[in-house]
Amino acid sequence: MLNPKVNGTKISYFFICHRKLWLFDRQLQFESDFSTVEEGKFISETTYPDERHEIQLADGAVLDFYDKRHKVVHEVKKSDKMEEAHLWQLKYYLYYLKNLGVEDVTGRLDYPKLKKTLDVVLTEHTGV
């Protein structure tokens, strides 16, 4: 079952920096460049203007947006520099939804600035 103390951001920070995860877990956030965070939000909101953004789930997880028609969870990122962290964050969301009984959901990492997408499917091989 899901651990209520785990969310997508923590999964991502685990792969990015353990210290950042530790600080975030204790609600000590030090973003070195606030403009970078704002740029990421701007990209997400303007790339898919017709979609509902930042869908809050019960445990505090936040999906960038969910395409109900095709059952695809989208995570919009500005760069693929930390793609492994992005992948595991998205896999966590797919696992979370599966545990809620949402079947056949897939994911897509969207990198609008790079004009790149990466489709993600949760399988037993993913290790989650």
Foldseek 3Di string as FASTA:
>chain_A
DDDLLDALVLLLCVQVPVVQSVCVSVVNHDDPDVVQVVVQLVCLCVVCVVFDAFDADDSRYTFRGADVVQQEGEDEGQDCPSVVSVLRSQLVVVVVVVVVVDPPHWYKYHHPVVRDIDIGDDDVVVVD
